Amino acid sequence: MKNEICLTECSHKKIIEKVKKSISPDEILFILAEFFKVFGDSTRIKILQALSVSEMCVCDIAALINSTQSAVSHQLRILRSASLVKHHKDGRTVFYSLNDHHIKTIISTGMEHILEKGK
């Protein structure tokens, strides 16, 4: 593999200034990085994929992914704290769904990227 560094000392000031204007502040980038960390767990991804099809209760999610309700509840707490899922009660049953359409878009775009990469 060839070196991936510049072989000469140069600076493209116009490019740097142009790009610098489009980079978000560090505080926002930190929040974005934390947001994407939540997607770093395959169980949470599986739950998000399931909820992109239909709202579900904890026991149905647990049965679907072959897990315990306790483990699913733990993952749902993480997803809720990241504002990726929301819930509502119907009697004694709590149903979960994606918080908004952006989450489904993120999952489907990521899958599209992975599947295209494999071709």
PDB file of N, CA and C in Angstrom:
ATOM      1  N   MET A   1       0.847  -1.177   0.000  1.00  0.00           N
ATOM      2  CA  MET A   1       0.000   0.000   0.000  1.00  0.00           C
ATOM      3  C   MET A   1       0.894   1.242   0.000  1.00  0.00           C
ATOM      4  N   LYS A   2       0.554   2.187  -0.814  1.00  0.00           N
ATOM      5  CA  LYS A   2       1.323   3.425  -0.893  1.00  0.00           C
ATOM      6  C   LYS A   2       1.052   4.289   0.331  1.00  0.00           C
ATOM      7  N   ASN A   3       1.983   5.168   0.597  1.00  0.00           N
ATOM      8  CA  ASN A   3       1.792   6.109   1.696  1.00  0.00           C
ATOM      9  C   ASN A   3       0.558   6.965   1.443  1.00  0.00           C
ATOM     10  N   GLU A   4      -0.136   7.247   2.501  1.00  0.00           N
ATOM     11  CA  GLU A   4      -1.339   8.068   2.403  1.00  0.00           C
ATOM     12  C   GLU A   4      -1.087   9.431   3.024  1.00  0.00           C
ATOM     13  N   ILE A   5       0.087   9.973   2.764  1.00  0.00           N
ATOM     14  CA  ILE A   5       0.432  11.298   3.262  1.00  0.00           C
ATOM     15  C   ILE A   5       0.886  12.154   2.088  1.00  0.00           C
ATOM     16  N   CYS A   6       0.881  13.455   2.294  1.00  0.00           N
ATOM     17  CA  CYS A   6       1.385  14.360   1.258  1.00  0.00           C
ATOM     18  C   CYS A   6       2.899  14.217   1.195  1.00  0.00           C
ATOM     19  N   LEU A   7       3.413  14.162   0.001  1.00  0.00           N
ATOM     20  CA  LEU A   7       4.857  14.028  -0.172  1.00  0.00           C
ATOM     21  C   LEU A   7       5.544  15.383  -0.247  1.00  0.00           C
ATOM     22  N   THR A   8       4.755  16.432  -0.312  1.00  0.00           N
ATOM     23  CA  THR A   8       5.315  17.785  -0.319  1.00  0.00           C
ATOM     24  C   THR A   8       4.610  18.595   0.753  1.00  0.00           C
ATOM     25  N   GLU A   9       5.269  19.626   1.198  1.00  0.00           N
ATOM     26  CA  GLU A   9       4.656  20.544   2.158  1.00  0.00           C
ATOM     27  C   GLU A   9       3.856  21.566   1.367  1.00  0.00           C
ATOM     28  N   CYS A  10       2.563  21.462   1.408  1.00  0.00           N
ATOM     29  CA  CYS A  10       1.730  22.422   0.705  1.00  0.00           C
ATOM     30  C   CYS A  10       0.477  22.663   1.518  1.00  0.00           C
ATOM     31  N   SER A  11      -0.155  23.733   1.241  1.00  0.00           N
ATOM     32  CA  SER A  11      -1.400  24.051   1.908  1.00  0.00           C
ATOM     33  C   SER A  11      -2.311  24.715   0.889  1.00  0.00           C
ATOM     34  N   HIS A  12      -3.483  24.134   0.742  1.00  0.00           N
ATOM     35  CA  HIS A  12      -4.471  24.680  -0.191  1.00  0.00           C
ATOM     36  C   HIS A  12      -5.436  25.534   0.626  1.00  0.00           C
ATOM     37  N   LYS A  13      -5.018  26.759   0.878  1.00  0.00           N
ATOM     38  CA  LYS A  13      -5.735  27.647   1.791  1.00  0.00           C
ATOM     39  C   LYS A  13      -7.195  27.878   1.407  1.00  0.00           C
ATOM     40  N   LYS A  14      -7.472  28.020   0.115  1.00  0.00           N
ATOM     41  CA  LYS A  14      -8.857  28.256  -0.309  1.00  0.00           C
ATOM     42  C   LYS A  14      -9.739  27.054   0.025  1.00  0.00           C
ATOM     43  N   ILE A  15      -9.201  25.864  -0.198  1.00  0.00           N
ATOM     44  CA  ILE A  15      -9.968  24.647   0.114  1.00  0.00           C
ATOM     45  C   ILE A  15     -10.193  24.550   1.614  1.00  0.00           C
ATOM     46  N   ILE A  16      -9.146  24.796   2.379  1.00  0.00           N
ATOM     47  CA  ILE A  16      -9.255  24.719   3.845  1.00  0.00           C
ATOM     48  C   ILE A  16     -10.301  25.695   4.351  1.00  0.00           C
ATOM     49  N   GLU A  17     -10.281  26.917   3.895  1.00  0.00           N
ATOM     50  CA  GLU A  17     -11.251  27.930   4.336  1.00  0.00           C
ATOM     51  C   GLU A  17     -12.672  27.551   3.934  1.00  0.00           C
ATOM     52  N   LYS A  18     -12.829  27.051   2.727  1.00  0.00           N
ATOM     53  CA  LYS A  18     -14.161  26.634   2.250  1.00  0.00           C
ATOM     54  C   LYS A  18     -14.714  25.504   3.117  1.00  0.00           C
ATOM     55  N   VAL A  19     -13.887  24.510   3.373  1.00  0.00           N
ATOM     56  CA  VAL A  19     -14.336  23.355   4.156  1.00  0.00           C
ATOM     57  C   VAL A  19     -14.552  23.743   5.612  1.00  0.00           C
ATOM     58  N   LYS A  20     -13.686  24.570   6.154  1.00  0.00           N
ATOM     59  CA  LYS A  20     -13.787  24.994   7.550  1.00  0.00           C
ATOM     60  C   LYS A  20     -15.157  25.607   7.833  1.00  0.00           C
ATOM     61  N   LYS A  21     -15.704  26.360   6.868  1.00  0.00           N
ATOM     62  CA  LYS A  21     -17.011  26.994   7.036  1.00  0.00           C
ATOM     63  C   LYS A  21     -18.147  25.972   7.118  1.00  0.00           C
ATOM     64  N   SER A  22     -17.938  24.785   6.566  1.00  0.00           N
ATOM     65  CA  SER A  22     -19.006  23.790   6.543  1.00  0.00           C
ATOM     66  C   SER A  22     -18.927  22.781   7.693  1.00  0.00           C
ATOM     67  N   ILE A  23     -17.832  22.808   8.444  1.00  0.00           N
ATOM     68  CA  ILE A  23     -17.670  21.879   9.565  1.00  0.00           C
ATOM     69  C   ILE A  23     -18.423  22.413  10.775  1.00  0.00           C
ATOM     70  N   SER A  24     -19.194  21.559  11.398  1.00  0.00           N
ATOM     71  CA  SER A  24     -19.981  21.955  12.568  1.00  0.00           C
ATOM     72  C   SER A  24     -19.073  22.199  13.771  1.00  0.00           C
ATOM     73  N   PRO A  25     -19.576  22.950  14.742  1.00  0.00           N
ATOM     74  CA  PRO A  25     -18.797  23.179  15.971  1.00  0.00           C
ATOM     75  C   PRO A  25     -18.524  21.863  16.705  1.00  0.00           C
ATOM     76  N   ASP A  26     -17.442  21.836  17.452  1.00  0.00           N
ATOM     77  CA  ASP A  26     -17.045  20.614  18.172  1.00  0.00           C
ATOM     78  C   ASP A  26     -18.148  20.082  19.075  1.00  0.00           C
ATOM     79  N   GLU A  27     -18.899  20.967  19.726  1.00  0.00           N
ATOM     80  CA  GLU A  27     -19.966  20.527  20.632  1.00  0.00           C
ATOM     81  C   GLU A  27     -21.023  19.720  19.876  1.00  0.00           C
ATOM     82  N   ILE A  28     -21.357  20.170  18.672  1.00  0.00           N
ATOM     83  CA  ILE A  28     -22.354  19.476  17.850  1.00  0.00           C
ATOM     84  C   ILE A  28     -21.782  18.150  17.352  1.00  0.00           C
ATOM     85  N   LEU A  29     -20.535  18.147  16.952  1.00  0.00           N
ATOM     86  CA  LEU A  29     -19.893  16.911  16.484  1.00  0.00           C
ATOM     87  C   LEU A  29     -19.817  15.879  17.592  1.00  0.00           C
ATOM     88  N   PHE A  30     -19.595  16.317  18.826  1.00  0.00           N
ATOM     89  CA  PHE A  30     -19.583  15.399  19.959  1.00  0.00           C
ATOM     90  C   PHE A  30     -20.952  14.755  20.136  1.00  0.00           C
ATOM     91  N   ILE A  31     -22.006  15.556  20.068  1.00  0.00           N
ATOM     92  CA  ILE A  31     -23.372  15.037  20.200  1.00  0.00           C
ATOM     93  C   ILE A  31     -23.670  14.044  19.074  1.00  0.00           C
ATOM     94  N   LEU A  32     -23.253  14.364  17.862  1.00  0.00           N
ATOM     95  CA  LEU A  32     -23.463  13.469  16.728  1.00  0.00           C
ATOM     96  C   LEU A  32     -22.711  12.154  16.915  1.00  0.00           C
ATOM     97  N   ALA A  33     -21.487  12.238  17.405  1.00  0.00           N
ATOM     98  CA  ALA A  33     -20.701  11.025  17.652  1.00  0.00           C
ATOM     99  C   ALA A  33     -21.382  10.149  18.708  1.00  0.00           C
ATOM    100  N   GLU A  34     -21.897  10.762  19.757  1.00  0.00           N
ATOM    101  CA  GLU A  34     -22.621  10.012  20.795  1.00  0.00           C
ATOM    102  C   GLU A  34     -23.881   9.366  20.211  1.00  0.00           C
ATOM    103  N   PHE A  35     -24.572  10.091  19.343  1.00  0.00           N
ATOM    104  CA  PHE A  35     -25.767   9.569  18.672  1.00  0.00           C
ATOM    105  C   PHE A  35     -25.422   8.300  17.902  1.00  0.00           C
ATOM    106  N   PHE A  36     -24.327   8.347  17.122  1.00  0.00           N
ATOM    107  CA  PHE A  36     -23.962   7.188  16.309  1.00  0.00           C
ATOM    108  C   PHE A  36     -23.426   6.033  17.142  1.00  0.00           C
ATOM    109  N   LYS A  37     -22.910   6.293  18.334  1.00  0.00           N
ATOM    110  CA  LYS A  37     -22.454   5.204  19.206  1.00  0.00           C
ATOM    111  C   LYS A  37     -23.594   4.248  19.537  1.00  0.00           C
ATOM    112  N   VAL A  38     -24.804   4.794  19.652  1.00  0.00           N
ATOM    113  CA  VAL A  38     -25.967   3.959  19.983  1.00  0.00           C
ATOM    114  C   VAL A  38     -26.201   2.912  18.899  1.00  0.00           C
ATOM    115  N   PHE A  39     -25.824   3.218  17.673  1.00  0.00           N
ATOM    116  CA  PHE A  39     -26.001   2.283  16.562  1.00  0.00           C
ATOM    117  C   PHE A  39     -24.909   1.210  16.548  1.00  0.00           C
ATOM    118  N   GLY A  40     -23.994   1.257  17.497  1.00  0.00           N
ATOM    119  CA  GLY A  40     -22.863   0.335  17.526  1.00  0.00           C
ATOM    120  C   GLY A  40     -23.145  -1.003  18.160  1.00  0.00           C
ATOM    121  N   ASP A  41     -24.394  -1.372  18.290  1.00  0.00           N
ATOM    122  CA  ASP A  41     -24.761  -2.645  18.910  1.00  0.00           C
ATOM    123  C   ASP A  41     -25.770  -3.359  18.012  1.00  0.00           C
ATOM    124  N   SER A  42     -25.458  -4.585  17.616  1.00  0.00           N
ATOM    125  CA  SER A  42     -26.323  -5.293  16.664  1.00  0.00           C
ATOM    126  C   SER A  42     -27.707  -5.599  17.239  1.00  0.00           C
ATOM    127  N   THR A  43     -27.812  -5.779  18.553  1.00  0.00           N
ATOM    128  CA  THR A  43     -29.129  -6.015  19.153  1.00  0.00           C
ATOM    129  C   THR A  43     -29.996  -4.767  19.013  1.00  0.00           C
ATOM    130  N   ARG A  44     -29.412  -3.607  19.270  1.00  0.00           N
ATOM    131  CA  ARG A  44     -30.182  -2.372  19.122  1.00  0.00           C
ATOM    132  C   ARG A  44     -30.573  -2.142  17.663  1.00  0.00           C
ATOM    133  N   ILE A  45     -29.680  -2.472  16.744  1.00  0.00           N
ATOM    134  CA  ILE A  45     -30.006  -2.344  15.316  1.00  0.00           C
ATOM    135  C   ILE A  45     -31.175  -3.267  14.959  1.00  0.00           C
ATOM    136  N   LYS A  46     -31.130  -4.476  15.479  1.00  0.00           N
ATOM    137  CA  LYS A  46     -32.216  -5.434  15.198  1.00  0.00           C
ATOM    138  C   LYS A  46     -33.547  -4.906  15.737  1.00  0.00           C
ATOM    139  N   ILE A  47     -33.517  -4.331  16.926  1.00  0.00           N
ATOM    140  CA  ILE A  47     -34.732  -3.758  17.511  1.00  0.00           C
ATOM    141  C   ILE A  47     -35.227  -2.591  16.655  1.00  0.00           C
ATOM    142  N   LEU A  48     -34.313  -1.735  16.231  1.00  0.00           N
ATOM    143  CA  LEU A  48     -34.710  -0.611  15.380  1.00  0.00           C
ATOM    144  C   LEU A  48     -35.276  -1.080  14.050  1.00  0.00           C
ATOM    145  N   GLN A  49     -34.675  -2.115  13.478  1.00  0.00           N
ATOM    146  CA  GLN A  49     -35.221  -2.661  12.222  1.00  0.00           C
ATOM    147  C   GLN A  49     -36.629  -3.188  12.439  1.00  0.00           C
ATOM    148  N   ALA A  50     -36.838  -3.901  13.537  1.00  0.00           N
ATOM    149  CA  ALA A  50     -38.165  -4.442  13.838  1.00  0.00           C
ATOM    150  C   ALA A  50     -39.177  -3.313  13.997  1.00  0.00           C
ATOM    151  N   LEU A  51     -38.781  -2.277  14.732  1.00  0.00           N
ATOM    152  CA  LEU A  51     -39.699  -1.160  14.966  1.00  0.00           C
ATOM    153  C   LEU A  51     -39.920  -0.317  13.717  1.00  0.00           C
ATOM    154  N   SER A  52     -39.063  -0.469  12.725  1.00  0.00           N
ATOM    155  CA  SER A  52     -39.297   0.243  11.459  1.00  0.00           C
ATOM    156  C   SER A  52     -40.429  -0.406  10.674  1.00  0.00           C
ATOM    157  N   VAL A  53     -40.784  -1.631  11.049  1.00  0.00           N
ATOM    158  CA  VAL A  53     -41.886  -2.339  10.390  1.00  0.00           C
ATOM    159  C   VAL A  53     -43.191  -2.131  11.149  1.00  0.00           C
ATOM    160  N   SER A  54     -43.105  -2.195  12.485  1.00  0.00           N
ATOM    161  CA  SER A  54     -44.323  -2.082  13.288  1.00  0.00           C
ATOM    162  C   SER A  54     -43.974  -1.709  14.718  1.00  0.00           C
ATOM    163  N   GLU A  55     -44.898  -1.008  15.384  1.00  0.00           N
ATOM    164  CA  GLU A  55     -44.700  -0.808  16.814  1.00  0.00           C
ATOM    165  C   GLU A  55     -44.868  -2.158  17.496  1.00  0.00           C
ATOM    166  N   MET A  56     -44.154  -2.344  18.598  1.00  0.00           N
ATOM    167  CA  MET A  56     -44.169  -3.643  19.277  1.00  0.00           C
ATOM    168  C   MET A  56     -44.031  -3.450  20.778  1.00  0.00           C
ATOM    169  N   CYS A  57     -44.515  -4.433  21.524  1.00  0.00           N
ATOM    170  CA  CYS A  57     -44.317  -4.432  22.974  1.00  0.00           C
ATOM    171  C   CYS A  57     -43.027  -5.188  23.292  1.00  0.00           C
ATOM    172  N   VAL A  58     -42.558  -5.039  24.508  1.00  0.00           N
ATOM    173  CA  VAL A  58     -41.296  -5.641  24.933  1.00  0.00           C
ATOM    174  C   VAL A  58     -41.317  -7.157  24.770  1.00  0.00           C
ATOM    175  N   CYS A  59     -42.423  -7.794  25.150  1.00  0.00           N
ATOM    176  CA  CYS A  59     -42.459  -9.262  25.081  1.00  0.00           C
ATOM    177  C   CYS A  59     -42.402  -9.750  23.633  1.00  0.00           C
ATOM    178  N   ASP A  60     -43.026  -9.023  22.711  1.00  0.00           N
ATOM    179  CA  ASP A  60     -42.958  -9.410  21.297  1.00  0.00           C
ATOM    180  C   ASP A  60     -41.559  -9.195  20.726  1.00  0.00           C
ATOM    181  N   ILE A  61     -40.915  -8.093  21.109  1.00  0.00           N
ATOM    182  CA  ILE A  61     -39.541  -7.849  20.657  1.00  0.00           C
ATOM    183  C   ILE A  61     -38.620  -8.942  21.188  1.00  0.00           C
ATOM    184  N   ALA A  62     -38.795  -9.294  22.466  1.00  0.00           N
ATOM    185  CA  ALA A  62     -37.963 -10.337  23.077  1.00  0.00           C
ATOM    186  C   ALA A  62     -38.137 -11.664  22.348  1.00  0.00           C
ATOM    187  N   ALA A  63     -39.379 -12.011  22.018  1.00  0.00           N
ATOM    188  CA  ALA A  63     -39.633 -13.259  21.292  1.00  0.00           C
ATOM    189  C   ALA A  63     -39.020 -13.201  19.897  1.00  0.00           C
ATOM    190  N   LEU A  64     -39.144 -12.060  19.240  1.00  0.00           N
ATOM    191  CA  LEU A  64     -38.628 -11.902  17.888  1.00  0.00           C
ATOM    192  C   LEU A  64     -37.120 -12.072  17.829  1.00  0.00           C
ATOM    193  N   ILE A  65     -36.415 -11.457  18.770  1.00  0.00           N
ATOM    194  CA  ILE A  65     -34.950 -11.490  18.706  1.00  0.00           C
ATOM    195  C   ILE A  65     -34.352 -12.566  19.605  1.00  0.00           C
ATOM    196  N   ASN A  66     -35.219 -13.417  20.178  1.00  0.00           N
ATOM    197  CA  ASN A  66     -34.770 -14.531  21.019  1.00  0.00           C
ATOM    198  C   ASN A  66     -33.926 -14.034  22.191  1.00  0.00           C
ATOM    199  N   SER A  67     -34.528 -13.138  22.958  1.00  0.00           N
ATOM    200  CA  SER A  67     -33.845 -12.534  24.093  1.00  0.00           C
ATOM    201  C   SER A  67     -34.802 -12.472  25.272  1.00  0.00           C
ATOM    202  N   THR A  68     -34.308 -12.025  26.403  1.00  0.00           N
ATOM    203  CA  THR A  68     -35.167 -11.867  27.570  1.00  0.00           C
ATOM    204  C   THR A  68     -35.810 -10.489  27.557  1.00  0.00           C
ATOM    205  N   GLN A  69     -36.949 -10.376  28.219  1.00  0.00           N
ATOM    206  CA  GLN A  69     -37.611  -9.085  28.311  1.00  0.00           C
ATOM    207  C   GLN A  69     -36.723  -8.079  29.051  1.00  0.00           C
ATOM    208  N   SER A  70     -35.988  -8.554  30.033  1.00  0.00           N
ATOM    209  CA  SER A  70     -35.087  -7.688  30.788  1.00  0.00           C
ATOM    210  C   SER A  70     -34.000  -7.107  29.887  1.00  0.00           C
ATOM    211  N   ALA A  71     -33.411  -7.947  29.051  1.00  0.00           N
ATOM    212  CA  ALA A  71     -32.360  -7.489  28.140  1.00  0.00           C
ATOM    213  C   ALA A  71     -32.921  -6.509  27.116  1.00  0.00           C
ATOM    214  N   VAL A  72     -34.109  -6.794  26.603  1.00  0.00           N
ATOM    215  CA  VAL A  72     -34.752  -5.904  25.632  1.00  0.00           C
ATOM    216  C   VAL A  72     -35.089  -4.567  26.288  1.00  0.00           C
ATOM    217  N   SER A  73     -35.614  -4.613  27.506  1.00  0.00           N
ATOM    218  CA  SER A  73     -35.935  -3.381  28.226  1.00  0.00           C
ATOM    219  C   SER A  73     -34.695  -2.518  28.419  1.00  0.00           C
ATOM    220  N   HIS A  74     -33.581  -3.144  28.727  1.00  0.00           N
ATOM    221  CA  HIS A  74     -32.317  -2.414  28.883  1.00  0.00           C
ATOM    222  C   HIS A  74     -31.945  -1.706  27.577  1.00  0.00           C
ATOM    223  N   GLN A  75     -32.029  -2.419  26.457  1.00  0.00           N
ATOM    224  CA  GLN A  75     -31.694  -1.826  25.158  1.00  0.00           C
ATOM    225  C   GLN A  75     -32.677  -0.718  24.793  1.00  0.00           C
ATOM    226  N   LEU A  76     -33.941  -0.912  25.111  1.00  0.00           N
ATOM    227  CA  LEU A  76     -34.951   0.114  24.819  1.00  0.00           C
ATOM    228  C   LEU A  76     -34.709   1.382  25.645  1.00  0.00           C
ATOM    229  N   ARG A  77     -34.230   1.226  26.880  1.00  0.00           N
ATOM    230  CA  ARG A  77     -33.889   2.400  27.695  1.00  0.00           C
ATOM    231  C   ARG A  77     -32.791   3.214  27.024  1.00  0.00           C
ATOM    232  N   ILE A  78     -31.787   2.512  26.484  1.00  0.00           N
ATOM    233  CA  ILE A  78     -30.698   3.194  25.784  1.00  0.00           C
ATOM    234  C   ILE A  78     -31.237   3.904  24.544  1.00  0.00           C
ATOM    235  N   LEU A  79     -32.089   3.220  23.786  1.00  0.00           N
ATOM    236  CA  LEU A  79     -32.670   3.808  22.574  1.00  0.00           C
ATOM    237  C   LEU A  79     -33.571   4.991  22.899  1.00  0.00           C
ATOM    238  N   ARG A  80     -34.309   4.898  24.010  1.00  0.00           N
ATOM    239  CA  ARG A  80     -35.157   6.022  24.427  1.00  0.00           C
ATOM    240  C   ARG A  80     -34.322   7.209  24.857  1.00  0.00           C
ATOM    241  N   SER A  81     -33.247   6.950  25.592  1.00  0.00           N
ATOM    242  CA  SER A  81     -32.422   8.072  26.066  1.00  0.00           C
ATOM    243  C   SER A  81     -31.732   8.785  24.901  1.00  0.00           C
ATOM    244  N   ALA A  82     -31.554   8.083  23.790  1.00  0.00           N
ATOM    245  CA  ALA A  82     -30.968   8.695  22.588  1.00  0.00           C
ATOM    246  C   ALA A  82     -32.046   9.259  21.662  1.00  0.00           C
ATOM    247  N   SER A  83     -33.283   9.243  22.116  1.00  0.00           N
ATOM    248  CA  SER A  83     -34.434   9.749  21.347  1.00  0.00           C
ATOM    249  C   SER A  83     -34.635   9.014  20.031  1.00  0.00           C
ATOM    250  N   LEU A  84     -34.303   7.725  20.008  1.00  0.00           N
ATOM    251  CA  LEU A  84     -34.500   6.931  18.796  1.00  0.00           C
ATOM    252  C   LEU A  84     -35.846   6.220  18.799  1.00  0.00           C
ATOM    253  N   VAL A  85     -36.349   5.912  19.989  1.00  0.00           N
ATOM    254  CA  VAL A  85     -37.665   5.273  20.089  1.00  0.00           C
ATOM    255  C   VAL A  85     -38.524   6.035  21.088  1.00  0.00           C
ATOM    256  N   LYS A  86     -39.825   5.844  20.951  1.00  0.00           N
ATOM    257  CA  LYS A  86     -40.791   6.408  21.886  1.00  0.00           C
ATOM    258  C   LYS A  86     -41.719   5.287  22.317  1.00  0.00           C
ATOM    259  N   HIS A  87     -42.512   5.541  23.328  1.00  0.00           N
ATOM    260  CA  HIS A  87     -43.421   4.504  23.809  1.00  0.00           C
ATOM    261  C   HIS A  87     -44.760   5.113  24.210  1.00  0.00           C
ATOM    262  N   HIS A  88     -45.749   4.229  24.264  1.00  0.00           N
ATOM    263  CA  HIS A  88     -47.054   4.616  24.799  1.00  0.00           C
ATOM    264  C   HIS A  88     -47.671   3.383  25.443  1.00  0.00           C
ATOM    265  N   LYS A  89     -48.518   3.625  26.420  1.00  0.00           N
ATOM    266  CA  LYS A  89     -49.174   2.540  27.148  1.00  0.00           C
ATOM    267  C   LYS A  89     -50.567   2.305  26.591  1.00  0.00           C
ATOM    268  N   ASP A  90     -50.905   1.033  26.524  1.00  0.00           N
ATOM    269  CA  ASP A  90     -52.269   0.629  26.193  1.00  0.00           C
ATOM    270  C   ASP A  90     -52.660  -0.365  27.278  1.00  0.00           C
ATOM    271  N   GLY A  91     -53.358   0.138  28.283  1.00  0.00           N
ATOM    272  CA  GLY A  91     -53.645  -0.700  29.447  1.00  0.00           C
ATOM    273  C   GLY A  91     -52.349  -0.952  30.204  1.00  0.00           C
ATOM    274  N   ARG A  92     -52.012  -2.236  30.363  1.00  0.00           N
ATOM    275  CA  ARG A  92     -50.774  -2.593  31.070  1.00  0.00           C
ATOM    276  C   ARG A  92     -49.625  -2.879  30.111  1.00  0.00           C
ATOM    277  N   THR A  93     -49.893  -2.756  28.833  1.00  0.00           N
ATOM    278  CA  THR A  93     -48.867  -3.054  27.828  1.00  0.00           C
ATOM    279  C   THR A  93     -48.240  -1.761  27.321  1.00  0.00           C
ATOM    280  N   VAL A  94     -46.898  -1.780  27.219  1.00  0.00           N
ATOM    281  CA  VAL A  94     -46.160  -0.633  26.704  1.00  0.00           C
ATOM    282  C   VAL A  94     -45.710  -0.975  25.291  1.00  0.00           C
ATOM    283  N   PHE A  95     -46.076  -0.128  24.344  1.00  0.00           N
ATOM    284  CA  PHE A  95     -45.697  -0.314  22.952  1.00  0.00           C
ATOM    285  C   PHE A  95     -44.605   0.681  22.577  1.00  0.00           C
ATOM    286  N   TYR A  96     -43.636   0.195  21.825  1.00  0.00           N
ATOM    287  CA  TYR A  96     -42.519   1.016  21.366  1.00  0.00           C
ATOM    288  C   TYR A  96     -42.602   1.195  19.861  1.00  0.00           C
ATOM    289  N   SER A  97     -42.139   2.357  19.409  1.00  0.00           N
ATOM    290  CA  SER A  97     -42.061   2.642  17.979  1.00  0.00           C
ATOM    291  C   SER A  97     -40.877   3.577  17.752  1.00  0.00           C
ATOM    292  N   LEU A  98     -40.498   3.729  16.488  1.00  0.00           N
ATOM    293  CA  LEU A  98     -39.424   4.658  16.171  1.00  0.00           C
ATOM    294  C   LEU A  98     -39.881   6.074  16.491  1.00  0.00           C
ATOM    295  N   ASN A  99     -38.960   6.892  16.936  1.00  0.00           N
ATOM    296  CA  ASN A  99     -39.300   8.252  17.329  1.00  0.00           C
ATOM    297  C   ASN A  99     -39.745   9.106  16.147  1.00  0.00           C
ATOM    298  N   ASP A 100     -39.110   8.916  14.980  1.00  0.00           N
ATOM    299  CA  ASP A 100     -39.522   9.638  13.786  1.00  0.00           C
ATOM    300  C   ASP A 100     -38.962   8.947  12.540  1.00  0.00           C
ATOM    301  N   HIS A 101     -39.302   9.477  11.369  1.00  0.00           N
ATOM    302  CA  HIS A 101     -38.917   8.844  10.103  1.00  0.00           C
ATOM    303  C   HIS A 101     -37.410   8.891   9.862  1.00  0.00           C
ATOM    304  N   HIS A 102     -36.704   9.790  10.523  1.00  0.00           N
ATOM    305  CA  HIS A 102     -35.258   9.883  10.316  1.00  0.00           C
ATOM    306  C   HIS A 102     -34.547   8.594  10.721  1.00  0.00           C
ATOM    307  N   ILE A 103     -35.036   7.958  11.765  1.00  0.00           N
ATOM    308  CA  ILE A 103     -34.392   6.749  12.273  1.00  0.00           C
ATOM    309  C   ILE A 103     -34.481   5.637  11.231  1.00  0.00           C
ATOM    310  N   LYS A 104     -35.654   5.479  10.639  1.00  0.00           N
ATOM    311  CA  LYS A 104     -35.826   4.476   9.590  1.00  0.00           C
ATOM    312  C   LYS A 104     -34.908   4.787   8.409  1.00  0.00           C
ATOM    313  N   THR A 105     -34.778   6.046   8.064  1.00  0.00           N
ATOM    314  CA  THR A 105     -33.902   6.461   6.963  1.00  0.00           C
ATOM    315  C   THR A 105     -32.443   6.132   7.266  1.00  0.00           C
ATOM    316  N   ILE A 106     -32.013   6.387   8.498  1.00  0.00           N
ATOM    317  CA  ILE A 106     -30.632   6.085   8.889  1.00  0.00           C
ATOM    318  C   ILE A 106     -30.357   4.590   8.765  1.00  0.00           C
ATOM    319  N   ILE A 107     -31.273   3.772   9.278  1.00  0.00           N
ATOM    320  CA  ILE A 107     -31.104   2.315   9.212  1.00  0.00           C
ATOM    321  C   ILE A 107     -31.095   1.841   7.766  1.00  0.00           C
ATOM    322  N   SER A 108     -32.059   2.285   6.971  1.00  0.00           N
ATOM    323  CA  SER A 108     -32.142   1.800   5.588  1.00  0.00           C
ATOM    324  C   SER A 108     -30.966   2.298   4.750  1.00  0.00           C
ATOM    325  N   THR A 109     -30.518   3.527   4.982  1.00  0.00           N
ATOM    326  CA  THR A 109     -29.359   4.042   4.245  1.00  0.00           C
ATOM    327  C   THR A 109     -28.103   3.267   4.624  1.00  0.00           C
ATOM    328  N   GLY A 110     -27.950   2.968   5.898  1.00  0.00           N
ATOM    329  CA  GLY A 110     -26.806   2.162   6.341  1.00  0.00           C
ATOM    330  C   GLY A 110     -26.820   0.778   5.712  1.00  0.00           C
ATOM    331  N   MET A 111     -27.985   0.147   5.674  1.00  0.00           N
ATOM    332  CA  MET A 111     -28.103  -1.181   5.065  1.00  0.00           C
ATOM    333  C   MET A 111     -27.797  -1.112   3.579  1.00  0.00           C
ATOM    334  N   GLU A 112     -28.292  -0.093   2.924  1.00  0.00           N
ATOM    335  CA  GLU A 112     -28.032   0.098   1.496  1.00  0.00           C
ATOM    336  C   GLU A 112     -26.525   0.201   1.251  1.00  0.00           C
ATOM    337  N   HIS A 113     -25.849   0.973   2.084  1.00  0.00           N
ATOM    338  CA  HIS A 113     -24.401   1.144   1.956  1.00  0.00           C
ATOM    339  C   HIS A 113     -23.678  -0.203   2.133  1.00  0.00           C
ATOM    340  N   ILE A 114     -24.056  -0.943   3.156  1.00  0.00           N
ATOM    341  CA  ILE A 114     -23.423  -2.236   3.432  1.00  0.00           C
ATOM    342  C   ILE A 114     -23.662  -3.218   2.289  1.00  0.00           C
ATOM    343  N   LEU A 115     -24.891  -3.284   1.813  1.00  0.00           N
ATOM    344  CA  LEU A 115     -25.219  -4.228   0.740  1.00  0.00           C
ATOM    345  C   LEU A 115     -24.535  -3.860  -0.578  1.00  0.00           C
ATOM    346  N   GLU A 116     -24.427  -2.573  -0.889  1.00  0.00           N
ATOM    347  CA  GLU A 116     -23.732  -2.134  -2.104  1.00  0.00           C
ATOM    348  C   GLU A 116     -22.237  -2.398  -1.992  1.00  0.00           C
ATOM    349  N   LYS A 117     -21.702  -2.237  -0.809  1.00  0.00           N
ATOM    350  CA  LYS A 117     -20.276  -2.433  -0.563  1.00  0.00           C
ATOM    351  C   LYS A 117     -19.874  -3.884  -0.827  1.00  0.00           C
ATOM    352  N   GLY A 118     -20.817  -4.803  -0.597  1.00  0.00           N
ATOM    353  CA  GLY A 118     -20.538  -6.213  -0.794  1.00  0.00           C
ATOM    354  C   GLY A 118     -20.543  -6.655  -2.242  1.00  0.00           C
ATOM    355  N   LYS A 119     -20.996  -5.778  -3.137  1.00  0.00           N
ATOM    356  CA  LYS A 119     -21.074  -6.159  -4.569  1.00  0.00           C
ATOM    357  C   LYS A 119     -19.738  -6.038  -5.244  1.00  0.00           C
TER     358      LYS A 119
END
